[in-house]
Amino acid sequence: MKKLILLLLIAPVCCLCAFAQKKTHERCPRVSVETSFISVIDGYPMTFRARVFKAGKSKLRYRWTLLNGEIIEGQGTPEIKVDTLGYQGEKIKATVTISGLPKRCRNRASATGFVKPKPYLN
């Protein structure tokens, strides 16, 4: 009988703990990065945009880093423009790190675009 009473007392507590953990996990916003074009011609700007879904009223700060290219506009904002001149045949990878999200949540995302060579005219 004592075991049954103990079980009846412990079971609801375990269920509440599991529910609380699930709710905490659901509160994390989803972070992604999109590019306006999968590829651009050498010399044309490429745009990357960070999306944060379900962030609530958080005050977010954006820090962008690049593999190739140079940020010409937008550092510190959700959207950047990247100069692609001289990177024909290479990939441009933009990574955003977002401050202001809960510490346990993922705060980084990346996207990659490709720089095509300029077309040759005959």
N, C-alpha and C. Protein backbone atom coordinates (compact mmCIF):
# COMPACT_ATOMS: atom_id res chain seq x y z
N MET A 1 0.82 -1.19 0.00
CA MET A 1 0.00 0.00 0.00
C MET A 1 0.87 1.26 0.00
N LYS A 2 1.96 1.23 0.79
CA LYS A 2 2.84 2.38 0.85
C LYS A 2 3.48 2.66 -0.53
N LYS A 3 3.83 1.58 -1.22
CA LYS A 3 4.43 1.74 -2.54
C LYS A 3 3.45 2.38 -3.52
N LEU A 4 2.19 2.00 -3.43
CA LEU A 4 1.17 2.56 -4.31
C LEU A 4 0.98 4.05 -4.03
N ILE A 5 0.94 4.42 -2.78
CA ILE A 5 0.79 5.84 -2.41
C ILE A 5 2.01 6.63 -2.88
N LEU A 6 3.19 6.08 -2.69
CA LEU A 6 4.41 6.74 -3.14
C LEU A 6 4.41 6.91 -4.66
N LEU A 7 4.00 5.88 -5.36
CA LEU A 7 3.92 5.94 -6.81
C LEU A 7 2.93 7.00 -7.27
N LEU A 8 1.79 7.07 -6.60
CA LEU A 8 0.77 8.07 -6.94
C LEU A 8 1.25 9.49 -6.67
N LEU A 9 2.14 9.67 -5.72
CA LEU A 9 2.69 10.99 -5.42
C LEU A 9 3.81 11.38 -6.39
N ILE A 10 4.62 10.42 -6.77
CA ILE A 10 5.78 10.70 -7.62
C ILE A 10 5.39 10.85 -9.10
N ALA A 11 4.45 10.07 -9.56
CA ALA A 11 4.09 10.08 -10.99
C ALA A 11 3.68 11.47 -11.48
N PRO A 12 2.81 12.20 -10.77
CA PRO A 12 2.45 13.55 -11.26
C PRO A 12 3.64 14.51 -11.29
N VAL A 13 4.54 14.39 -10.33
CA VAL A 13 5.72 15.26 -10.31
C VAL A 13 6.59 15.00 -11.53
N CYS A 14 6.79 13.74 -11.87
CA CYS A 14 7.59 13.39 -13.06
C CYS A 14 6.93 13.92 -14.32
N CYS A 15 5.63 13.81 -14.41
CA CYS A 15 4.92 14.32 -15.59
C CYS A 15 5.06 15.83 -15.71
N LEU A 16 4.96 16.53 -14.59
CA LEU A 16 5.11 17.99 -14.60
C LEU A 16 6.51 18.39 -15.01
N CYS A 17 7.52 17.65 -14.53
CA CYS A 17 8.90 17.96 -14.91
C CYS A 17 9.10 17.77 -16.41
N ALA A 18 8.60 16.69 -16.95
CA ALA A 18 8.73 16.44 -18.39
C ALA A 18 8.01 17.52 -19.19
N PHE A 19 6.84 17.93 -18.75
CA PHE A 19 6.08 18.98 -19.44
C PHE A 19 6.84 20.31 -19.38
N ALA A 20 7.40 20.62 -18.24
CA ALA A 20 8.15 21.89 -18.08
C ALA A 20 9.36 21.90 -18.99
N GLN A 21 10.07 20.78 -19.12
CA GLN A 21 11.23 20.72 -20.00
C GLN A 21 10.82 20.93 -21.44
N LYS A 22 9.74 20.33 -21.85
CA LYS A 22 9.27 20.48 -23.23
C LYS A 22 8.90 21.93 -23.51
N LYS A 23 8.21 22.59 -22.59
CA LYS A 23 7.81 23.98 -22.77
C LYS A 23 9.04 24.88 -22.88
N THR A 24 10.08 24.63 -22.05
CA THR A 24 11.29 25.43 -22.11
C THR A 24 11.94 25.31 -23.48
N HIS A 25 12.01 24.11 -24.00
CA HIS A 25 12.62 23.88 -25.31
C HIS A 25 11.82 24.58 -26.41
N GLU A 26 10.50 24.59 -26.30
CA GLU A 26 9.66 25.20 -27.33
C GLU A 26 9.82 26.72 -27.37
N ARG A 27 10.30 27.33 -26.31
CA ARG A 27 10.44 28.77 -26.27
C ARG A 27 11.63 29.29 -27.08
N CYS A 28 12.52 28.43 -27.47
CA CYS A 28 13.68 28.87 -28.26
C CYS A 28 13.23 29.27 -29.66
N PRO A 29 13.61 30.46 -30.09
CA PRO A 29 13.28 30.87 -31.45
C PRO A 29 14.08 30.08 -32.46
N ARG A 30 13.56 30.00 -33.66
CA ARG A 30 14.27 29.33 -34.76
C ARG A 30 15.01 30.40 -35.55
N VAL A 31 16.31 30.19 -35.77
CA VAL A 31 17.15 31.14 -36.48
C VAL A 31 17.55 30.54 -37.82
N SER A 32 17.43 31.35 -38.89
CA SER A 32 17.86 30.89 -40.21
C SER A 32 18.41 32.07 -41.00
N VAL A 33 19.14 31.77 -42.06
CA VAL A 33 19.65 32.79 -42.98
C VAL A 33 19.24 32.39 -44.38
N GLU A 34 18.77 33.38 -45.13
CA GLU A 34 18.38 33.16 -46.52
C GLU A 34 19.21 34.09 -47.39
N THR A 35 19.41 33.70 -48.64
CA THR A 35 20.07 34.56 -49.61
C THR A 35 19.07 34.90 -50.71
N SER A 36 19.19 36.11 -51.24
CA SER A 36 18.24 36.55 -52.25
C SER A 36 18.37 35.73 -53.54
N PHE A 37 19.58 35.34 -53.86
CA PHE A 37 19.85 34.52 -55.04
C PHE A 37 20.83 33.43 -54.66
N ILE A 38 20.64 32.26 -55.20
CA ILE A 38 21.58 31.17 -54.95
C ILE A 38 22.92 31.49 -55.60
N SER A 39 22.85 32.22 -56.72
CA SER A 39 24.08 32.63 -57.38
C SER A 39 23.90 34.01 -58.01
N VAL A 40 25.01 34.74 -58.09
CA VAL A 40 25.03 36.04 -58.75
C VAL A 40 26.25 36.09 -59.67
N ILE A 41 26.22 37.03 -60.60
CA ILE A 41 27.37 37.25 -61.49
C ILE A 41 28.41 38.07 -60.75
N ASP A 42 29.66 37.72 -60.96
CA ASP A 42 30.79 38.42 -60.33
C ASP A 42 30.60 39.93 -60.43
N GLY A 43 30.69 40.61 -59.29
CA GLY A 43 30.55 42.05 -59.24
C GLY A 43 29.18 42.54 -58.82
N TYR A 44 28.17 41.67 -58.87
CA TYR A 44 26.83 42.05 -58.42
C TYR A 44 26.70 41.73 -56.93
N PRO A 45 26.02 42.58 -56.16
CA PRO A 45 25.89 42.31 -54.73
C PRO A 45 25.00 41.11 -54.45
N MET A 46 25.34 40.41 -53.39
CA MET A 46 24.53 39.29 -52.91
C MET A 46 23.96 39.70 -51.56
N THR A 47 22.69 39.44 -51.34
CA THR A 47 22.02 39.83 -50.10
C THR A 47 21.73 38.59 -49.25
N PHE A 48 22.00 38.73 -47.96
CA PHE A 48 21.67 37.68 -46.99
C PHE A 48 20.77 38.30 -45.93
N ARG A 49 19.79 37.52 -45.47
CA ARG A 49 18.84 38.02 -44.47
C ARG A 49 18.66 36.98 -43.36
N ALA A 50 18.79 37.44 -42.12
CA ALA A 50 18.55 36.58 -40.96
C ALA A 50 17.08 36.60 -40.62
N ARG A 51 16.54 35.45 -40.31
CA ARG A 51 15.14 35.31 -39.87
C ARG A 51 15.15 34.69 -38.48
N VAL A 52 14.40 35.30 -37.59
CA VAL A 52 14.25 34.78 -36.23
C VAL A 52 12.76 34.61 -35.99
N PHE A 53 12.34 33.36 -35.85
CA PHE A 53 10.93 33.05 -35.68
C PHE A 53 10.62 32.82 -34.20
N LYS A 54 9.58 33.47 -33.72
CA LYS A 54 9.11 33.34 -32.34
C LYS A 54 10.12 33.88 -31.32
N ALA A 55 10.70 35.03 -31.62
CA ALA A 55 11.66 35.64 -30.69
C ALA A 55 10.96 36.51 -29.66
N GLY A 56 9.67 36.74 -29.84
CA GLY A 56 8.96 37.60 -28.90
C GLY A 56 9.42 39.04 -29.01
N LYS A 57 9.54 39.69 -27.88
CA LYS A 57 9.93 41.10 -27.87
C LYS A 57 11.40 41.27 -27.51
N SER A 58 12.20 40.27 -27.79
CA SER A 58 13.63 40.33 -27.47
C SER A 58 14.31 41.44 -28.27
N LYS A 59 15.27 42.10 -27.64
CA LYS A 59 16.10 43.09 -28.32
C LYS A 59 17.29 42.32 -28.90
N LEU A 60 17.27 42.14 -30.22
CA LEU A 60 18.28 41.31 -30.88
C LEU A 60 19.39 42.17 -31.49
N ARG A 61 20.60 41.62 -31.46
CA ARG A 61 21.75 42.25 -32.10
C ARG A 61 22.37 41.23 -33.06
N TYR A 62 22.75 41.69 -34.25
CA TYR A 62 23.22 40.82 -35.31
C TYR A 62 24.70 41.09 -35.59
N ARG A 63 25.50 40.02 -35.65
CA ARG A 63 26.90 40.13 -36.02
C ARG A 63 27.17 39.16 -37.15
N TRP A 64 27.56 39.69 -38.30
CA TRP A 64 27.78 38.89 -39.50
C TRP A 64 29.27 38.65 -39.71
N THR A 65 29.59 37.44 -40.18
CA THR A 65 30.94 37.11 -40.63
C THR A 65 30.82 36.45 -41.99
N LEU A 66 31.87 36.59 -42.80
CA LEU A 66 31.85 36.05 -44.16
C LEU A 66 33.03 35.14 -44.43
N LEU A 67 32.78 34.16 -45.28
CA LEU A 67 33.84 33.41 -45.93
C LEU A 67 33.78 33.90 -47.37
N ASN A 68 34.73 34.72 -47.77
CA ASN A 68 34.80 35.39 -49.08
C ASN A 68 33.85 36.58 -49.12
N GLY A 69 34.15 37.52 -49.96
CA GLY A 69 33.31 38.70 -50.11
C GLY A 69 33.58 39.73 -49.03
N GLU A 70 32.90 40.86 -49.14
CA GLU A 70 33.04 41.95 -48.18
C GLU A 70 31.67 42.57 -47.94
N ILE A 71 31.35 42.78 -46.68
CA ILE A 71 30.07 43.41 -46.35
C ILE A 71 30.14 44.87 -46.75
N ILE A 72 29.21 45.30 -47.62
CA ILE A 72 29.19 46.70 -48.05
C ILE A 72 28.06 47.47 -47.39
N GLU A 73 27.14 46.75 -46.77
CA GLU A 73 26.00 47.43 -46.14
C GLU A 73 25.31 46.47 -45.16
N GLY A 74 24.94 46.99 -43.98
CA GLY A 74 24.04 46.26 -43.10
C GLY A 74 24.63 45.56 -41.90
N GLN A 75 25.94 45.63 -41.66
CA GLN A 75 26.49 44.96 -40.47
C GLN A 75 25.73 45.47 -39.24
N GLY A 76 25.31 44.56 -38.37
CA GLY A 76 24.55 44.92 -37.18
C GLY A 76 23.04 44.90 -37.39
N THR A 77 22.60 44.59 -38.60
CA THR A 77 21.17 44.54 -38.92
C THR A 77 20.80 43.13 -39.37
N PRO A 78 19.52 42.84 -39.55
CA PRO A 78 19.12 41.50 -40.02
C PRO A 78 19.49 41.22 -41.47
N GLU A 79 19.87 42.25 -42.24
CA GLU A 79 20.15 42.03 -43.67
C GLU A 79 21.45 42.71 -44.06
N ILE A 80 22.28 41.97 -44.83
CA ILE A 80 23.52 42.54 -45.33
C ILE A 80 23.60 42.41 -46.84
N LYS A 81 24.37 43.31 -47.44
CA LYS A 81 24.73 43.21 -48.85
C LYS A 81 26.22 42.94 -48.90
N VAL A 82 26.60 42.01 -49.79
CA VAL A 82 27.98 41.58 -49.89
C VAL A 82 28.50 41.88 -51.29
N ASP A 83 29.68 42.50 -51.35
CA ASP A 83 30.36 42.74 -52.62
C ASP A 83 31.00 41.44 -53.07
N THR A 84 30.74 41.03 -54.30
CA THR A 84 31.25 39.76 -54.82
C THR A 84 32.36 39.94 -55.85
N LEU A 85 32.75 41.17 -56.14
CA LEU A 85 33.73 41.43 -57.19
C LEU A 85 35.05 40.71 -56.92
N GLY A 86 35.48 39.94 -57.91
CA GLY A 86 36.73 39.20 -57.79
C GLY A 86 36.60 37.81 -57.20
N TYR A 87 35.39 37.37 -56.93
CA TYR A 87 35.18 36.05 -56.33
C TYR A 87 34.50 35.08 -57.30
N GLN A 88 34.65 35.31 -58.60
CA GLN A 88 33.98 34.42 -59.56
C GLN A 88 34.44 32.98 -59.38
N GLY A 89 33.46 32.09 -59.45
CA GLY A 89 33.73 30.67 -59.28
C GLY A 89 33.86 30.24 -57.83
N GLU A 90 33.61 31.14 -56.90
CA GLU A 90 33.76 30.81 -55.48
C GLU A 90 32.43 30.94 -54.74
N LYS A 91 32.40 30.38 -53.56
CA LYS A 91 31.22 30.46 -52.70
C LYS A 91 31.37 31.64 -51.74
N ILE A 92 30.23 32.26 -51.43
CA ILE A 92 30.16 33.29 -50.39
C ILE A 92 29.32 32.69 -49.27
N LYS A 93 29.90 32.54 -48.11
CA LYS A 93 29.16 32.00 -46.96
C LYS A 93 29.02 33.10 -45.92
N ALA A 94 27.78 33.41 -45.56
CA ALA A 94 27.49 34.41 -44.54
C ALA A 94 26.95 33.70 -43.31
N THR A 95 27.52 34.03 -42.16
CA THR A 95 27.08 33.47 -40.88
C THR A 95 26.67 34.61 -39.97
N VAL A 96 25.51 34.48 -39.36
CA VAL A 96 25.05 35.49 -38.40
C VAL A 96 25.05 34.87 -37.01
N THR A 97 25.51 35.66 -36.04
CA THR A 97 25.42 35.30 -34.63
C THR A 97 24.53 36.35 -33.99
N ILE A 98 23.48 35.90 -33.33
CA ILE A 98 22.48 36.81 -32.78
C ILE A 98 22.58 36.83 -31.27
N SER A 99 22.75 38.03 -30.72
CA SER A 99 22.75 38.22 -29.27
C SER A 99 21.36 38.66 -28.84
N GLY A 100 21.00 38.32 -27.62
CA GLY A 100 19.70 38.72 -27.09
C GLY A 100 18.71 37.58 -27.01
N LEU A 101 19.12 36.39 -27.43
CA LEU A 101 18.27 35.20 -27.30
C LEU A 101 18.61 34.49 -25.99
N PRO A 102 17.72 33.66 -25.47
CA PRO A 102 18.05 32.90 -24.27
C PRO A 102 19.34 32.09 -24.47
N LYS A 103 20.17 32.01 -23.44
CA LYS A 103 21.49 31.37 -23.55
C LYS A 103 21.43 29.91 -23.99
N ARG A 104 20.38 29.22 -23.66
CA ARG A 104 20.28 27.79 -24.00
C ARG A 104 19.87 27.57 -25.45
N CYS A 105 19.52 28.64 -26.16
CA CYS A 105 19.00 28.52 -27.52
C CYS A 105 20.08 28.69 -28.58
N ARG A 106 19.88 28.06 -29.69
CA ARG A 106 20.77 28.19 -30.85
C ARG A 106 20.69 29.64 -31.35
N ASN A 107 21.84 30.27 -31.57
CA ASN A 107 21.84 31.68 -31.96
C ASN A 107 22.67 31.95 -33.22
N ARG A 108 22.96 30.91 -33.99
CA ARG A 108 23.81 31.07 -35.16
C ARG A 108 23.21 30.31 -36.34
N ALA A 109 23.35 30.91 -37.52
CA ALA A 109 22.91 30.25 -38.75
C ALA A 109 23.74 30.78 -39.92
N SER A 110 23.75 30.02 -41.01
CA SER A 110 24.54 30.38 -42.19
C SER A 110 23.78 30.08 -43.47
N ALA A 111 24.22 30.73 -44.53
CA ALA A 111 23.74 30.43 -45.87
C ALA A 111 24.91 30.64 -46.83
N THR A 112 24.83 29.97 -47.97
CA THR A 112 25.91 30.05 -48.94
C THR A 112 25.35 30.37 -50.32
N GLY A 113 26.03 31.24 -51.02
CA GLY A 113 25.70 31.55 -52.41
C GLY A 113 26.93 31.33 -53.27
N PHE A 114 26.77 31.35 -54.57
CA PHE A 114 27.85 31.09 -55.52
C PHE A 114 28.00 32.29 -56.45
N VAL A 115 29.25 32.63 -56.76
CA VAL A 115 29.53 33.75 -57.66
C VAL A 115 29.91 33.18 -59.03
N LYS A 116 29.06 33.50 -60.02
CA LYS A 116 29.29 33.02 -61.39
C LYS A 116 30.22 33.98 -62.12
N PRO A 117 31.00 33.46 -63.07
CA PRO A 117 31.84 34.35 -63.87
C PRO A 117 30.97 35.27 -64.75
N LYS A 118 31.55 36.41 -65.10
CA LYS A 118 30.87 37.33 -66.01
C LYS A 118 30.77 36.64 -67.37
N PRO A 119 29.64 36.81 -68.06
CA PRO A 119 29.52 36.19 -69.38
C PRO A 119 30.43 36.90 -70.40
N TYR A 120 30.95 36.12 -71.31
CA TYR A 120 31.79 36.69 -72.37
C TYR A 120 30.93 37.00 -73.57
N LEU A 121 31.10 38.18 -74.11
CA LEU A 121 30.37 38.57 -75.31
C LEU A 121 31.28 38.42 -76.52
N ASN A 122 30.78 37.81 -77.58
CA ASN A 122 31.57 37.62 -78.81
C ASN A 122 31.42 38.79 -79.73
